Amino acid sequence: MKAREFRNHIRNQGLKELQALLMELLREQFNLRMQRGTGQLAKPARLRAVRREIARIKTIMAEKQAGRSV
């Protein structure tokens, strides 16, 4: 999913769905870090993409919690 599509997708979700997605991405990030450490990481670019997706979710969650219109 491209960045713009991902942003539009997560903006339409509630806080609980965002929290679940965040936990899933954090687990994926952990697994990717472990693969990198053991030299088994097949797609190094995925690590960067996951980090950015986590940041996007955290930003949108903060906006929703602050009551800003998104």
PDB file of N, CA and C in Angstrom:
ATOM      1  N   MET A   1       0.851  -1.169   0.000  1.00  0.00           N
ATOM      2  CA  MET A   1       0.000   0.000   0.000  1.00  0.00           C
ATOM      3  C   MET A   1       0.896   1.232   0.000  1.00  0.00           C
ATOM      4  N   LYS A   2       0.596   2.172  -0.854  1.00  0.00           N
ATOM      5  CA  LYS A   2       1.395   3.381  -0.946  1.00  0.00           C
ATOM      6  C   LYS A   2       1.111   4.287   0.241  1.00  0.00           C
ATOM      7  N   ALA A   3       2.000   5.232   0.471  1.00  0.00           N
ATOM      8  CA  ALA A   3       1.912   6.099   1.646  1.00  0.00           C
ATOM      9  C   ALA A   3       0.603   6.881   1.680  1.00  0.00           C
ATOM     10  N   ARG A   4       0.194   7.429   0.555  1.00  0.00           N
ATOM     11  CA  ARG A   4      -1.045   8.217   0.526  1.00  0.00           C
ATOM     12  C   ARG A   4      -2.259   7.344   0.816  1.00  0.00           C
ATOM     13  N   GLU A   5      -2.297   6.170   0.220  1.00  0.00           N
ATOM     14  CA  GLU A   5      -3.398   5.239   0.473  1.00  0.00           C
ATOM     15  C   GLU A   5      -3.411   4.810   1.935  1.00  0.00           C
ATOM     16  N   PHE A   6      -2.213   4.575   2.476  1.00  0.00           N
ATOM     17  CA  PHE A   6      -2.101   4.162   3.875  1.00  0.00           C
ATOM     18  C   PHE A   6      -2.621   5.263   4.802  1.00  0.00           C
ATOM     19  N   ARG A   7      -2.235   6.507   4.527  1.00  0.00           N
ATOM     20  CA  ARG A   7      -2.709   7.627   5.355  1.00  0.00           C
ATOM     21  C   ARG A   7      -4.223   7.746   5.305  1.00  0.00           C
ATOM     22  N   ASN A   8      -4.797   7.668   4.123  1.00  0.00           N
ATOM     23  CA  ASN A   8      -6.250   7.765   3.996  1.00  0.00           C
ATOM     24  C   ASN A   8      -6.939   6.615   4.710  1.00  0.00           C
ATOM     25  N   HIS A   9      -6.344   5.444   4.629  1.00  0.00           N
ATOM     26  CA  HIS A   9      -6.923   4.264   5.271  1.00  0.00           C
ATOM     27  C   HIS A   9      -6.929   4.417   6.797  1.00  0.00           C
ATOM     28  N   ILE A  10      -5.813   4.859   7.366  1.00  0.00           N
ATOM     29  CA  ILE A  10      -5.752   4.932   8.824  1.00  0.00           C
ATOM     30  C   ILE A  10      -6.501   6.136   9.382  1.00  0.00           C
ATOM     31  N   ARG A  11      -6.679   7.172   8.598  1.00  0.00           N
ATOM     32  CA  ARG A  11      -7.450   8.324   9.096  1.00  0.00           C
ATOM     33  C   ARG A  11      -8.915   7.970   9.308  1.00  0.00           C
ATOM     34  N   ASN A  12      -9.413   6.980   8.601  1.00  0.00           N
ATOM     35  CA  ASN A  12     -10.812   6.591   8.716  1.00  0.00           C
ATOM     36  C   ASN A  12     -11.048   5.559   9.806  1.00  0.00           C
ATOM     37  N   GLN A  13     -10.025   5.166  10.527  1.00  0.00           N
ATOM     38  CA  GLN A  13     -10.173   4.162  11.567  1.00  0.00           C
ATOM     39  C   GLN A  13     -10.249   4.818  12.937  1.00  0.00           C
ATOM     40  N   GLY A  14     -10.828   4.096  13.875  1.00  0.00           N
ATOM     41  CA  GLY A  14     -10.925   4.586  15.241  1.00  0.00           C
ATOM     42  C   GLY A  14      -9.644   4.327  16.010  1.00  0.00           C
ATOM     43  N   LEU A  15      -9.600   4.822  17.243  1.00  0.00           N
ATOM     44  CA  LEU A  15      -8.396   4.679  18.052  1.00  0.00           C
ATOM     45  C   LEU A  15      -8.083   3.219  18.362  1.00  0.00           C
ATOM     46  N   LYS A  16      -9.107   2.405  18.608  1.00  0.00           N
ATOM     47  CA  LYS A  16      -8.847   0.996  18.924  1.00  0.00           C
ATOM     48  C   LYS A  16      -8.244   0.258  17.737  1.00  0.00           C
ATOM     49  N   GLU A  17      -8.752   0.538  16.544  1.00  0.00           N
ATOM     50  CA  GLU A  17      -8.199  -0.098  15.353  1.00  0.00           C
ATOM     51  C   GLU A  17      -6.765   0.374  15.107  1.00  0.00           C
ATOM     52  N   LEU A  18      -6.517   1.654  15.354  1.00  0.00           N
ATOM     53  CA  LEU A  18      -5.165   2.179  15.182  1.00  0.00           C
ATOM     54  C   LEU A  18      -4.207   1.550  16.184  1.00  0.00           C
ATOM     55  N   GLN A  19      -4.673   1.369  17.412  1.00  0.00           N
ATOM     56  CA  GLN A  19      -3.834   0.746  18.442  1.00  0.00           C
ATOM     57  C   GLN A  19      -3.491  -0.686  18.056  1.00  0.00           C
ATOM     58  N   ALA A  20      -4.473  -1.419  17.527  1.00  0.00           N
ATOM     59  CA  ALA A  20      -4.225  -2.802  17.103  1.00  0.00           C
ATOM     60  C   ALA A  20      -3.227  -2.844  15.948  1.00  0.00           C
ATOM     61  N   LEU A  21      -3.391  -1.940  14.996  1.00  0.00           N
ATOM     62  CA  LEU A  21      -2.476  -1.883  13.861  1.00  0.00           C
ATOM     63  C   LEU A  21      -1.074  -1.497  14.313  1.00  0.00           C
ATOM     64  N   LEU A  22      -0.993  -0.588  15.270  1.00  0.00           N
ATOM     65  CA  LEU A  22       0.299  -0.177  15.808  1.00  0.00           C
ATOM     66  C   LEU A  22       1.011  -1.352  16.462  1.00  0.00           C
ATOM     67  N   MET A  23       0.288  -2.132  17.243  1.00  0.00           N
ATOM     68  CA  MET A  23       0.893  -3.291  17.896  1.00  0.00           C
ATOM     69  C   MET A  23       1.387  -4.306  16.866  1.00  0.00           C
ATOM     70  N   GLU A  24       0.615  -4.504  15.811  1.00  0.00           N
ATOM     71  CA  GLU A  24       1.015  -5.426  14.750  1.00  0.00           C
ATOM     72  C   GLU A  24       2.305  -4.949  14.069  1.00  0.00           C
ATOM     73  N   LEU A  25       2.383  -3.647  13.804  1.00  0.00           N
ATOM     74  CA  LEU A  25       3.575  -3.102  13.162  1.00  0.00           C
ATOM     75  C   LEU A  25       4.791  -3.134  14.082  1.00  0.00           C
ATOM     76  N   LEU A  26       4.572  -2.927  15.377  1.00  0.00           N
ATOM     77  CA  LEU A  26       5.687  -3.000  16.321  1.00  0.00           C
ATOM     78  C   LEU A  26       6.236  -4.419  16.397  1.00  0.00           C
ATOM     79  N   ARG A  27       5.354  -5.416  16.333  1.00  0.00           N
ATOM     80  CA  ARG A  27       5.809  -6.810  16.308  1.00  0.00           C
ATOM     81  C   ARG A  27       6.600  -7.099  15.031  1.00  0.00           C
ATOM     82  N   GLU A  28       6.091  -6.588  13.905  1.00  0.00           N
ATOM     83  CA  GLU A  28       6.790  -6.787  12.635  1.00  0.00           C
ATOM     84  C   GLU A  28       8.156  -6.120  12.674  1.00  0.00           C
ATOM     85  N   GLN A  29       8.226  -4.923  13.248  1.00  0.00           N
ATOM     86  CA  GLN A  29       9.492  -4.220  13.352  1.00  0.00           C
ATOM     87  C   GLN A  29      10.482  -5.020  14.200  1.00  0.00           C
ATOM     88  N   PHE A  30      10.006  -5.585  15.295  1.00  0.00           N
ATOM     89  CA  PHE A  30      10.862  -6.400  16.151  1.00  0.00           C
ATOM     90  C   PHE A  30      11.398  -7.600  15.384  1.00  0.00           C
ATOM     91  N   ASN A  31      10.520  -8.284  14.660  1.00  0.00           N
ATOM     92  CA  ASN A  31      10.940  -9.453  13.882  1.00  0.00           C
ATOM     93  C   ASN A  31      11.951  -9.076  12.805  1.00  0.00           C
ATOM     94  N   LEU A  32      11.724  -7.938  12.160  1.00  0.00           N
ATOM     95  CA  LEU A  32      12.672  -7.482  11.135  1.00  0.00           C
ATOM     96  C   LEU A  32      14.030  -7.147  11.741  1.00  0.00           C
ATOM     97  N   ARG A  33      14.027  -6.544  12.927  1.00  0.00           N
ATOM     98  CA  ARG A  33      15.298  -6.242  13.601  1.00  0.00           C
ATOM     99  C   ARG A  33      16.046  -7.519  13.963  1.00  0.00           C
ATOM    100  N   MET A  34      15.311  -8.530  14.393  1.00  0.00           N
ATOM    101  CA  MET A  34      15.946  -9.810  14.729  1.00  0.00           C
ATOM    102  C   MET A  34      16.524 -10.465  13.476  1.00  0.00           C
ATOM    103  N   GLN A  35      15.789 -10.380  12.369  1.00  0.00           N
ATOM    104  CA  GLN A  35      16.289 -10.939  11.113  1.00  0.00           C
ATOM    105  C   GLN A  35      17.540 -10.205  10.650  1.00  0.00           C
ATOM    106  N   ARG A  36      17.547  -8.891  10.832  1.00  0.00           N
ATOM    107  CA  ARG A  36      18.727  -8.110  10.448  1.00  0.00           C
ATOM    108  C   ARG A  36      19.930  -8.515  11.294  1.00  0.00           C
ATOM    109  N   GLY A  37      19.685  -8.735  12.577  1.00  0.00           N
ATOM    110  CA  GLY A  37      20.772  -9.115  13.475  1.00  0.00           C
ATOM    111  C   GLY A  37      21.373 -10.469  13.153  1.00  0.00           C
ATOM    112  N   THR A  38      20.558 -11.375  12.655  1.00  0.00           N
ATOM    113  CA  THR A  38      21.059 -12.709  12.324  1.00  0.00           C
ATOM    114  C   THR A  38      21.461 -12.821  10.859  1.00  0.00           C
ATOM    115  N   GLY A  39      21.331 -11.746  10.093  1.00  0.00           N
ATOM    116  CA  GLY A  39      21.729 -11.760   8.697  1.00  0.00           C
ATOM    117  C   GLY A  39      20.725 -12.417   7.773  1.00  0.00           C
ATOM    118  N   GLN A  40      19.483 -12.529   8.185  1.00  0.00           N
ATOM    119  CA  GLN A  40      18.465 -13.200   7.383  1.00  0.00           C
ATOM    120  C   GLN A  40      17.455 -12.239   6.758  1.00  0.00           C
ATOM    121  N   LEU A  41      17.693 -10.949   6.868  1.00  0.00           N
ATOM    122  CA  LEU A  41      16.741  -9.960   6.367  1.00  0.00           C
ATOM    123  C   LEU A  41      16.785  -9.914   4.843  1.00  0.00           C
ATOM    124  N   ALA A  42      15.664 -10.300   4.218  1.00  0.00           N
ATOM    125  CA  ALA A  42      15.607 -10.363   2.759  1.00  0.00           C
ATOM    126  C   ALA A  42      15.306  -8.999   2.139  1.00  0.00           C
ATOM    127  N   LYS A  43      14.464  -8.193   2.793  1.00  0.00           N
ATOM    128  CA  LYS A  43      14.065  -6.899   2.247  1.00  0.00           C
ATOM    129  C   LYS A  43      14.378  -5.790   3.260  1.00  0.00           C
ATOM    130  N   PRO A  44      15.571  -5.233   3.208  1.00  0.00           N
ATOM    131  CA  PRO A  44      15.952  -4.201   4.167  1.00  0.00           C
ATOM    132  C   PRO A  44      15.079  -2.952   4.085  1.00  0.00           C
ATOM    133  N   ALA A  45      14.517  -2.664   2.938  1.00  0.00           N
ATOM    134  CA  ALA A  45      13.683  -1.472   2.784  1.00  0.00           C
ATOM    135  C   ALA A  45      12.400  -1.587   3.594  1.00  0.00           C
ATOM    136  N   ARG A  46      11.965  -2.810   3.880  1.00  0.00           N
ATOM    137  CA  ARG A  46      10.728  -2.999   4.650  1.00  0.00           C
ATOM    138  C   ARG A  46      10.889  -2.454   6.065  1.00  0.00           C
ATOM    139  N   LEU A  47      12.078  -2.552   6.623  1.00  0.00           N
ATOM    140  CA  LEU A  47      12.331  -2.032   7.967  1.00  0.00           C
ATOM    141  C   LEU A  47      12.072  -0.523   8.011  1.00  0.00           C
ATOM    142  N   ARG A  48      12.544   0.178   7.020  1.00  0.00           N
ATOM    143  CA  ARG A  48      12.330   1.632   6.955  1.00  0.00           C
ATOM    144  C   ARG A  48      10.851   1.953   6.755  1.00  0.00           C
ATOM    145  N   ALA A  49      10.182   1.191   5.895  1.00  0.00           N
ATOM    146  CA  ALA A  49       8.765   1.421   5.629  1.00  0.00           C
ATOM    147  C   ALA A  49       7.929   1.205   6.888  1.00  0.00           C
ATOM    148  N   VAL A  50       8.241   0.161   7.642  1.00  0.00           N
ATOM    149  CA  VAL A  50       7.498  -0.121   8.877  1.00  0.00           C
ATOM    150  C   VAL A  50       7.702   1.001   9.880  1.00  0.00           C
ATOM    151  N   ARG A  51       8.936   1.480   9.995  1.00  0.00           N
ATOM    152  CA  ARG A  51       9.214   2.589  10.909  1.00  0.00           C
ATOM    153  C   ARG A  51       8.387   3.816  10.555  1.00  0.00           C
ATOM    154  N   ARG A  52       8.271   4.100   9.278  1.00  0.00           N
ATOM    155  CA  ARG A  52       7.497   5.259   8.840  1.00  0.00           C
ATOM    156  C   ARG A  52       5.999   5.059   9.066  1.00  0.00           C
ATOM    157  N   GLU A  53       5.509   3.845   8.843  1.00  0.00           N
ATOM    158  CA  GLU A  53       4.095   3.564   9.090  1.00  0.00           C
ATOM    159  C   GLU A  53       3.758   3.721  10.571  1.00  0.00           C
ATOM    160  N   ILE A  54       4.668   3.285  11.426  1.00  0.00           N
ATOM    161  CA  ILE A  54       4.475   3.444  12.870  1.00  0.00           C
ATOM    162  C   ILE A  54       4.389   4.930  13.217  1.00  0.00           C
ATOM    163  N   ALA A  55       5.260   5.729  12.649  1.00  0.00           N
ATOM    164  CA  ALA A  55       5.252   7.169  12.913  1.00  0.00           C
ATOM    165  C   ALA A  55       3.958   7.809  12.429  1.00  0.00           C
ATOM    166  N   ARG A  56       3.473   7.381  11.261  1.00  0.00           N
ATOM    167  CA  ARG A  56       2.219   7.935  10.740  1.00  0.00           C
ATOM    168  C   ARG A  56       1.053   7.600  11.664  1.00  0.00           C
ATOM    169  N   ILE A  57       1.013   6.366  12.129  1.00  0.00           N
ATOM    170  CA  ILE A  57      -0.080   5.961  13.022  1.00  0.00           C
ATOM    171  C   ILE A  57      -0.022   6.746  14.325  1.00  0.00           C
ATOM    172  N   LYS A  58       1.166   6.884  14.893  1.00  0.00           N
ATOM    173  CA  LYS A  58       1.301   7.632  16.145  1.00  0.00           C
ATOM    174  C   LYS A  58       0.884   9.087  15.968  1.00  0.00           C
ATOM    175  N   THR A  59       1.209   9.684  14.835  1.00  0.00           N
ATOM    176  CA  THR A  59       0.828  11.067  14.564  1.00  0.00           C
ATOM    177  C   THR A  59      -0.683  11.205  14.491  1.00  0.00           C
ATOM    178  N   ILE A  60      -1.330  10.322  13.773  1.00  0.00           N
ATOM    179  CA  ILE A  60      -2.786  10.400  13.624  1.00  0.00           C
ATOM    180  C   ILE A  60      -3.475  10.107  14.946  1.00  0.00           C
ATOM    181  N   MET A  61      -2.932   9.175  15.733  1.00  0.00           N
ATOM    182  CA  MET A  61      -3.505   8.897  17.050  1.00  0.00           C
ATOM    183  C   MET A  61      -3.414  10.136  17.949  1.00  0.00           C
ATOM    184  N   ALA A  62      -2.289  10.825  17.900  1.00  0.00           N
ATOM    185  CA  ALA A  62      -2.119  12.033  18.707  1.00  0.00           C
ATOM    186  C   ALA A  62      -3.101  13.114  18.278  1.00  0.00           C
ATOM    187  N   GLU A  63      -3.313  13.248  16.982  1.00  0.00           N
ATOM    188  CA  GLU A  63      -4.269  14.237  16.485  1.00  0.00           C
ATOM    189  C   GLU A  63      -5.680  13.905  16.971  1.00  0.00           C
ATOM    190  N   LYS A  64      -6.049  12.642  16.891  1.00  0.00           N
ATOM    191  CA  LYS A  64      -7.401  12.246  17.321  1.00  0.00           C
ATOM    192  C   LYS A  64      -7.575  12.443  18.820  1.00  0.00           C
ATOM    193  N   GLN A  65      -6.546  12.126  19.608  1.00  0.00           N
ATOM    194  CA  GLN A  65      -6.648  12.289  21.041  1.00  0.00           C
ATOM    195  C   GLN A  65      -6.686  13.755  21.442  1.00  0.00           C
ATOM    196  N   ALA A  66      -6.071  14.612  20.659  1.00  0.00           N
ATOM    197  CA  ALA A  66      -6.078  16.049  20.964  1.00  0.00           C
ATOM    198  C   ALA A  66      -7.385  16.696  20.504  1.00  0.00           C
ATOM    199  N   GLY A  67      -8.160  15.956  19.762  1.00  0.00           N
ATOM    200  CA  GLY A  67      -9.459  16.471  19.334  1.00  0.00           C
ATOM    201  C   GLY A  67      -9.406  17.296  18.072  1.00  0.00           C
ATOM    202  N   ARG A  68      -8.300  17.257  17.388  1.00  0.00           N
ATOM    203  CA  ARG A  68      -8.201  17.997  16.122  1.00  0.00           C
ATOM    204  C   ARG A  68      -9.003  17.290  15.071  1.00  0.00           C
ATOM    205  N   SER A  69      -9.544  18.051  14.156  1.00  0.00           N
ATOM    206  CA  SER A  69     -10.285  17.438  13.055  1.00  0.00           C
ATOM    207  C   SER A  69      -9.281  16.883  12.062  1.00  0.00           C
ATOM    208  N   VAL A  70      -9.509  15.646  11.667  1.00  0.00           N
ATOM    209  CA  VAL A  70      -8.614  14.982  10.709  1.00  0.00           C
ATOM    210  C   VAL A  70      -9.359  14.577   9.484  1.00  0.00           C
TER     211      VAL A  70
END
